[in-house]
All heavy atoms as atom14 arrays in JSON, in Angstrom:
{
  "sequence": "QEPGRELAEADWINTLHAFTPRLQLAACAT",
  "atom14_mask": [
    [1, 1, 1, 1, 1, 1, 1, 1, 1, 0, 0, 0, 0, 0],
    [1, 1, 1, 1, 1, 1, 1, 1, 1, 0, 0, 0, 0, 0],
    [1, 1, 1, 1, 1, 1, 1, 0, 0, 0, 0, 0, 0, 0],
    [1, 1, 1, 1, 0, 0, 0, 0, 0, 0, 0, 0, 0, 0],
    [1, 1, 1, 1, 1, 1, 1, 1, 1, 1, 1, 0, 0, 0],
    [1, 1, 1, 1, 1, 1, 1, 1, 1, 0, 0, 0, 0, 0],
    [1, 1, 1, 1, 1, 1, 1, 1, 0, 0, 0, 0, 0, 0],
    [1, 1, 1, 1, 1, 0, 0, 0, 0, 0, 0, 0, 0, 0],
    [1, 1, 1, 1, 1, 1, 1, 1, 1, 0, 0, 0, 0, 0],
    [1, 1, 1, 1, 1, 0, 0, 0, 0, 0, 0, 0, 0, 0],
    [1, 1, 1, 1, 1, 1, 1, 1, 0, 0, 0, 0, 0, 0],
    [1, 1, 1, 1, 1, 1, 1, 1, 1, 1, 1, 1, 1, 1],
    [1, 1, 1, 1, 1, 1, 1, 1, 0, 0, 0, 0, 0, 0],
    [1, 1, 1, 1, 1, 1, 1, 1, 0, 0, 0, 0, 0, 0],
    [1, 1, 1, 1, 1, 1, 1, 0, 0, 0, 0, 0, 0, 0],
    [1, 1, 1, 1, 1, 1, 1, 1, 0, 0, 0, 0, 0, 0],
    [1, 1, 1, 1, 1, 1, 1, 1, 1, 1, 0, 0, 0, 0],
    [1, 1, 1, 1, 1, 0, 0, 0, 0, 0, 0, 0, 0, 0],
    [1, 1, 1, 1, 1, 1, 1, 1, 1, 1, 1, 0, 0, 0],
    [1, 1, 1, 1, 1, 1, 1, 0, 0, 0, 0, 0, 0, 0],
    [1, 1, 1, 1, 1, 1, 1, 0, 0, 0, 0, 0, 0, 0],
    [1, 1, 1, 1, 1, 1, 1, 1, 1, 1, 1, 0, 0, 0],
    [1, 1, 1, 1, 1, 1, 1, 1, 0, 0, 0, 0, 0, 0],
    [1, 1, 1, 1, 1, 1, 1, 1, 1, 0, 0, 0, 0, 0],
    [1, 1, 1, 1, 1, 1, 1, 1, 0, 0, 0, 0, 0, 0],
    [1, 1, 1, 1, 1, 0, 0, 0, 0, 0, 0, 0, 0, 0],
    [1, 1, 1, 1, 1, 0, 0, 0, 0, 0, 0, 0, 0, 0],
    [1, 1, 1, 1, 1, 1, 0, 0, 0, 0, 0, 0, 0, 0],
    [1, 1, 1, 1, 1, 0, 0, 0, 0, 0, 0, 0, 0, 0],
    [1, 1, 1, 1, 1, 1, 1, 0, 0, 0, 0, 0, 0, 0]
  ],
  "atom14_positions": [
    [[-7.84, -13.23, 76.69], [-8.52, -12.29, 75.88], [-9.85, -11.92, 76.5], [-10.64, -12.76, 76.91], [-8.73, -12.86, 74.48], [-9.33, -11.8, 73.52], [-9.37, -12.19, 72.09], [-8.68, -13.08, 71.75], [-10.19, -11.59, 71.29], [0.0, 0.0, 0.0], [0.0, 0.0, 0.0], [0.0, 0.0, 0.0], [0.0, 0.0, 0.0], [0.0, 0.0, 0.0]],
    [[-10.1, -10.57, 76.63], [-11.35, -10.19, 77.18], [-12.41, -10.1, 76.1], [-12.08, -9.83, 74.93], [-11.15, -8.75, 77.76], [-10.13, -8.73, 78.9], [-9.89, -7.21, 79.34], [-10.7, -6.37, 79.09], [-8.75, -7.06, 79.87], [0.0, 0.0, 0.0], [0.0, 0.0, 0.0], [0.0, 0.0, 0.0], [0.0, 0.0, 0.0], [0.0, 0.0, 0.0]],
    [[-13.61, -10.37, 76.43], [-14.76, -10.25, 75.47], [-14.8, -8.8, 74.9], [-14.57, -7.89, 75.62], [-15.96, -10.62, 76.24], [-15.45, -11.29, 77.49], [-14.13, -10.86, 77.69], [0.0, 0.0, 0.0], [0.0, 0.0, 0.0], [0.0, 0.0, 0.0], [0.0, 0.0, 0.0], [0.0, 0.0, 0.0], [0.0, 0.0, 0.0], [0.0, 0.0, 0.0]],
    [[-15.01, -8.7, 73.64], [-15.06, -7.37, 72.98], [-13.74, -6.82, 72.68], [-13.68, -5.73, 72.2], [0.0, 0.0, 0.0], [0.0, 0.0, 0.0], [0.0, 0.0, 0.0], [0.0, 0.0, 0.0], [0.0, 0.0, 0.0], [0.0, 0.0, 0.0], [0.0, 0.0, 0.0], [0.0, 0.0, 0.0], [0.0, 0.0, 0.0], [0.0, 0.0, 0.0]],
    [[-12.7, -7.61, 72.78], [-11.33, -7.15, 72.54], [-10.71, -8.03, 71.44], [-9.56, -8.31, 71.44], [-10.48, -7.18, 73.81], [-10.94, -6.23, 74.92], [-10.31, -4.9, 74.85], [-8.89, -5.01, 74.8], [-8.1, -4.12, 74.31], [-8.51, -3.01, 73.85], [-6.8, -4.22, 74.25], [0.0, 0.0, 0.0], [0.0, 0.0, 0.0], [0.0, 0.0, 0.0]],
    [[-11.56, -8.31, 70.41], [-11.02, -9.19, 69.32], [-9.88, -8.51, 68.49], [-9.12, -9.18, 67.89], [-12.18, -9.55, 68.36], [-13.21, -10.46, 68.98], [-14.16, -9.84, 69.96], [-14.3, -8.58, 69.91], [-14.7, -10.52, 70.8], [0.0, 0.0, 0.0], [0.0, 0.0, 0.0], [0.0, 0.0, 0.0], [0.0, 0.0, 0.0], [0.0, 0.0, 0.0]],
    [[-9.84, -7.16, 68.47], [-8.73, -6.49, 67.8], [-7.7, -5.93, 68.77], [-7.04, -5.02, 68.47], [-9.3, -5.41, 66.99], [-10.28, -5.86, 65.82], [-10.91, -4.65, 65.19], [-9.49, -6.69, 64.77], [0.0, 0.0, 0.0], [0.0, 0.0, 0.0], [0.0, 0.0, 0.0], [0.0, 0.0, 0.0], [0.0, 0.0, 0.0], [0.0, 0.0, 0.0]],
    [[-7.54, -6.52, 69.87], [-6.64, -5.99, 70.93], [-5.2, -5.89, 70.35], [-4.57, -4.91, 70.63], [-6.61, -6.95, 72.16], [0.0, 0.0, 0.0], [0.0, 0.0, 0.0], [0.0, 0.0, 0.0], [0.0, 0.0, 0.0], [0.0, 0.0, 0.0], [0.0, 0.0, 0.0], [0.0, 0.0, 0.0], [0.0, 0.0, 0.0], [0.0, 0.0, 0.0]],
    [[-4.74, -6.87, 69.62], [-3.35, -6.86, 69.04], [-3.24, -5.67, 68.05], [-2.28, -4.95, 68.09], [-3.02, -8.15, 68.33], [-2.9, -9.31, 69.26], [-4.26, -10.0, 69.69], [-5.35, -9.51, 69.08], [-4.24, -10.92, 70.43], [0.0, 0.0, 0.0], [0.0, 0.0, 0.0], [0.0, 0.0, 0.0], [0.0, 0.0, 0.0], [0.0, 0.0, 0.0]],
    [[-4.21, -5.51, 67.23], [-4.2, -4.32, 66.26], [-4.31, -3.06, 67.02], [-3.51, -2.06, 66.69], [-5.3, -4.42, 65.27], [0.0, 0.0, 0.0], [0.0, 0.0, 0.0], [0.0, 0.0, 0.0], [0.0, 0.0, 0.0], [0.0, 0.0, 0.0], [0.0, 0.0, 0.0], [0.0, 0.0, 0.0], [0.0, 0.0, 0.0], [0.0, 0.0, 0.0]],
    [[-5.04, -2.96, 68.09], [-5.14, -1.69, 68.89], [-3.8, -1.48, 69.58], [-3.38, -0.32, 69.68], [-6.23, -1.95, 69.99], [-7.63, -1.91, 69.45], [-7.82, -1.48, 68.32], [-8.56, -2.36, 70.16], [0.0, 0.0, 0.0], [0.0, 0.0, 0.0], [0.0, 0.0, 0.0], [0.0, 0.0, 0.0], [0.0, 0.0, 0.0], [0.0, 0.0, 0.0]],
    [[-3.12, -2.54, 70.05], [-1.83, -2.32, 70.63], [-0.83, -1.74, 69.65], [-0.14, -0.9, 69.92], [-1.25, -3.55, 71.26], [0.03, -3.35, 71.97], [0.19, -2.88, 73.28], [1.29, -3.35, 71.4], [1.56, -2.66, 73.51], [2.22, -3.01, 72.36], [1.87, -3.69, 70.16], [3.62, -2.91, 72.17], [3.23, -3.57, 69.93], [4.12, -3.15, 70.93]],
    [[-0.77, -2.31, 68.47], [0.11, -1.84, 67.38], [-0.25, -0.34, 66.99], [0.67, 0.43, 66.78], [0.05, -2.77, 66.18], [0.75, -4.06, 66.52], [0.7, -2.1, 64.93], [0.52, -5.16, 65.47], [0.0, 0.0, 0.0], [0.0, 0.0, 0.0], [0.0, 0.0, 0.0], [0.0, 0.0, 0.0], [0.0, 0.0, 0.0], [0.0, 0.0, 0.0]],
    [[-1.51, -0.01, 66.94], [-1.93, 1.37, 66.7], [-1.4, 2.32, 67.86], [-0.97, 3.41, 67.59], [-3.41, 1.43, 66.55], [-3.89, 1.04, 65.22], [-3.18, 1.04, 64.18], [-5.14, 0.54, 65.15], [0.0, 0.0, 0.0], [0.0, 0.0, 0.0], [0.0, 0.0, 0.0], [0.0, 0.0, 0.0], [0.0, 0.0, 0.0], [0.0, 0.0, 0.0]],
    [[-1.51, 1.81, 69.04], [-0.98, 2.61, 70.2], [0.49, 2.79, 70.1], [0.96, 3.85, 70.34], [-1.36, 1.86, 71.52], [-2.81, 1.76, 71.6], [-0.81, 2.64, 72.75], [0.0, 0.0, 0.0], [0.0, 0.0, 0.0], [0.0, 0.0, 0.0], [0.0, 0.0, 0.0], [0.0, 0.0, 0.0], [0.0, 0.0, 0.0], [0.0, 0.0, 0.0]],
    [[1.25, 1.66, 69.66], [2.67, 1.8, 69.46], [2.97, 2.89, 68.53], [3.83, 3.83, 68.71], [3.22, 0.53, 69.0], [4.69, 0.55, 68.51], [5.65, 0.93, 69.64], [5.03, -0.81, 67.86], [0.0, 0.0, 0.0], [0.0, 0.0, 0.0], [0.0, 0.0, 0.0], [0.0, 0.0, 0.0], [0.0, 0.0, 0.0], [0.0, 0.0, 0.0]],
    [[2.26, 2.93, 67.34], [2.54, 3.87, 66.37], [2.16, 5.37, 66.83], [2.84, 6.31, 66.49], [1.83, 3.61, 65.04], [2.38, 2.44, 64.37], [3.72, 2.33, 63.98], [1.85, 1.24, 64.07], [3.97, 1.2, 63.38], [2.83, 0.44, 63.48], [0.0, 0.0, 0.0], [0.0, 0.0, 0.0], [0.0, 0.0, 0.0], [0.0, 0.0, 0.0]],
    [[1.1, 5.48, 67.69], [0.78, 6.69, 68.24], [1.85, 7.21, 69.26], [2.04, 8.42, 69.31], [-0.61, 6.65, 68.91], [0.0, 0.0, 0.0], [0.0, 0.0, 0.0], [0.0, 0.0, 0.0], [0.0, 0.0, 0.0], [0.0, 0.0, 0.0], [0.0, 0.0, 0.0], [0.0, 0.0, 0.0], [0.0, 0.0, 0.0], [0.0, 0.0, 0.0]],
    [[2.41, 6.26, 69.9], [3.48, 6.67, 70.87], [4.87, 6.95, 70.25], [5.65, 7.57, 70.85], [3.68, 5.5, 71.87], [2.79, 5.49, 73.07], [1.39, 5.69, 72.95], [3.31, 5.29, 74.3], [0.56, 5.72, 74.05], [2.48, 5.35, 75.47], [1.09, 5.46, 75.29], [0.0, 0.0, 0.0], [0.0, 0.0, 0.0], [0.0, 0.0, 0.0]],
    [[5.06, 6.44, 69.03], [6.42, 6.5, 68.35], [6.96, 7.9, 68.43], [8.14, 8.08, 68.81], [6.31, 5.97, 67.0], [5.96, 4.56, 67.08], [7.72, 6.03, 66.34], [0.0, 0.0, 0.0], [0.0, 0.0, 0.0], [0.0, 0.0, 0.0], [0.0, 0.0, 0.0], [0.0, 0.0, 0.0], [0.0, 0.0, 0.0], [0.0, 0.0, 0.0]],
    [[6.28, 8.92, 68.12], [6.88, 10.24, 68.14], [7.34, 10.67, 69.63], [8.36, 11.46, 69.69], [5.73, 11.26, 67.72], [4.77, 10.37, 66.94], [4.91, 9.01, 67.57], [0.0, 0.0, 0.0], [0.0, 0.0, 0.0], [0.0, 0.0, 0.0], [0.0, 0.0, 0.0], [0.0, 0.0, 0.0], [0.0, 0.0, 0.0], [0.0, 0.0, 0.0]],
    [[6.77, 10.12, 70.61], [7.13, 10.38, 71.98], [8.4, 9.73, 72.41], [9.01, 9.97, 73.4], [5.98, 10.01, 72.88], [4.71, 10.73, 72.58], [4.59, 11.93, 73.37], [3.3, 12.55, 73.13], [3.13, 13.83, 73.07], [4.16, 14.64, 73.15], [1.98, 14.34, 72.88], [0.0, 0.0, 0.0], [0.0, 0.0, 0.0], [0.0, 0.0, 0.0]],
    [[8.72, 8.73, 71.59], [9.93, 7.84, 71.9], [11.2, 8.43, 71.28], [12.35, 7.97, 71.57], [9.69, 6.44, 71.41], [8.46, 5.67, 72.02], [8.34, 4.39, 71.4], [8.58, 5.66, 73.55], [0.0, 0.0, 0.0], [0.0, 0.0, 0.0], [0.0, 0.0, 0.0], [0.0, 0.0, 0.0], [0.0, 0.0, 0.0], [0.0, 0.0, 0.0]],
    [[11.06, 9.34, 70.29], [12.21, 9.91, 69.62], [12.84, 10.98, 70.42], [12.19, 11.81, 71.11], [11.7, 10.48, 68.29], [11.18, 9.51, 67.36], [10.52, 10.06, 66.14], [10.14, 11.18, 66.13], [10.49, 9.23, 65.08], [0.0, 0.0, 0.0], [0.0, 0.0, 0.0], [0.0, 0.0, 0.0], [0.0, 0.0, 0.0], [0.0, 0.0, 0.0]],
    [[14.19, 10.95, 70.48], [14.95, 11.96, 71.14], [15.97, 12.56, 70.13], [17.1, 12.0, 69.95], [15.73, 11.27, 72.31], [14.82, 10.71, 73.41], [15.6, 9.74, 74.32], [14.12, 11.78, 74.2], [0.0, 0.0, 0.0], [0.0, 0.0, 0.0], [0.0, 0.0, 0.0], [0.0, 0.0, 0.0], [0.0, 0.0, 0.0], [0.0, 0.0, 0.0]],
    [[15.61, 13.62, 69.52], [16.43, 14.22, 68.49], [17.77, 14.56, 69.03], [18.82, 14.35, 68.36], [15.77, 15.39, 67.88], [0.0, 0.0, 0.0], [0.0, 0.0, 0.0], [0.0, 0.0, 0.0], [0.0, 0.0, 0.0], [0.0, 0.0, 0.0], [0.0, 0.0, 0.0], [0.0, 0.0, 0.0], [0.0, 0.0, 0.0], [0.0, 0.0, 0.0]],
    [[17.96, 14.98, 70.28], [19.19, 15.37, 70.81], [20.13, 14.21, 70.94], [21.37, 14.35, 70.88], [19.02, 16.05, 72.16], [0.0, 0.0, 0.0], [0.0, 0.0, 0.0], [0.0, 0.0, 0.0], [0.0, 0.0, 0.0], [0.0, 0.0, 0.0], [0.0, 0.0, 0.0], [0.0, 0.0, 0.0], [0.0, 0.0, 0.0], [0.0, 0.0, 0.0]],
    [[19.64, 12.95, 71.08], [20.44, 11.78, 71.24], [20.53, 10.93, 70.0], [21.1, 9.78, 70.04], [19.93, 10.94, 72.4], [19.9, 11.82, 73.98], [0.0, 0.0, 0.0], [0.0, 0.0, 0.0], [0.0, 0.0, 0.0], [0.0, 0.0, 0.0], [0.0, 0.0, 0.0], [0.0, 0.0, 0.0], [0.0, 0.0, 0.0], [0.0, 0.0, 0.0]],
    [[19.96, 11.39, 68.88], [19.89, 10.6, 67.68], [21.22, 10.28, 67.12], [21.39, 9.27, 66.39], [19.03, 11.3, 66.63], [0.0, 0.0, 0.0], [0.0, 0.0, 0.0], [0.0, 0.0, 0.0], [0.0, 0.0, 0.0], [0.0, 0.0, 0.0], [0.0, 0.0, 0.0], [0.0, 0.0, 0.0], [0.0, 0.0, 0.0], [0.0, 0.0, 0.0]],
    [[22.22, 11.03, 67.39], [23.54, 10.79, 66.9], [24.26, 9.66, 67.6], [25.41, 9.29, 67.19], [24.42, 12.04, 66.99], [24.55, 12.4, 68.36], [23.85, 13.23, 66.17], [0.0, 0.0, 0.0], [0.0, 0.0, 0.0], [0.0, 0.0, 0.0], [0.0, 0.0, 0.0], [0.0, 0.0, 0.0], [0.0, 0.0, 0.0], [0.0, 0.0, 0.0]]
  ]
}
């Protein structure tokens, strides 16, 4: 863990949720 990154895990989860729309492929959803 780097100093100043006490919320690194929460930041990663927020990044995951921000990326989620980019991971969706409507054409392949079926």
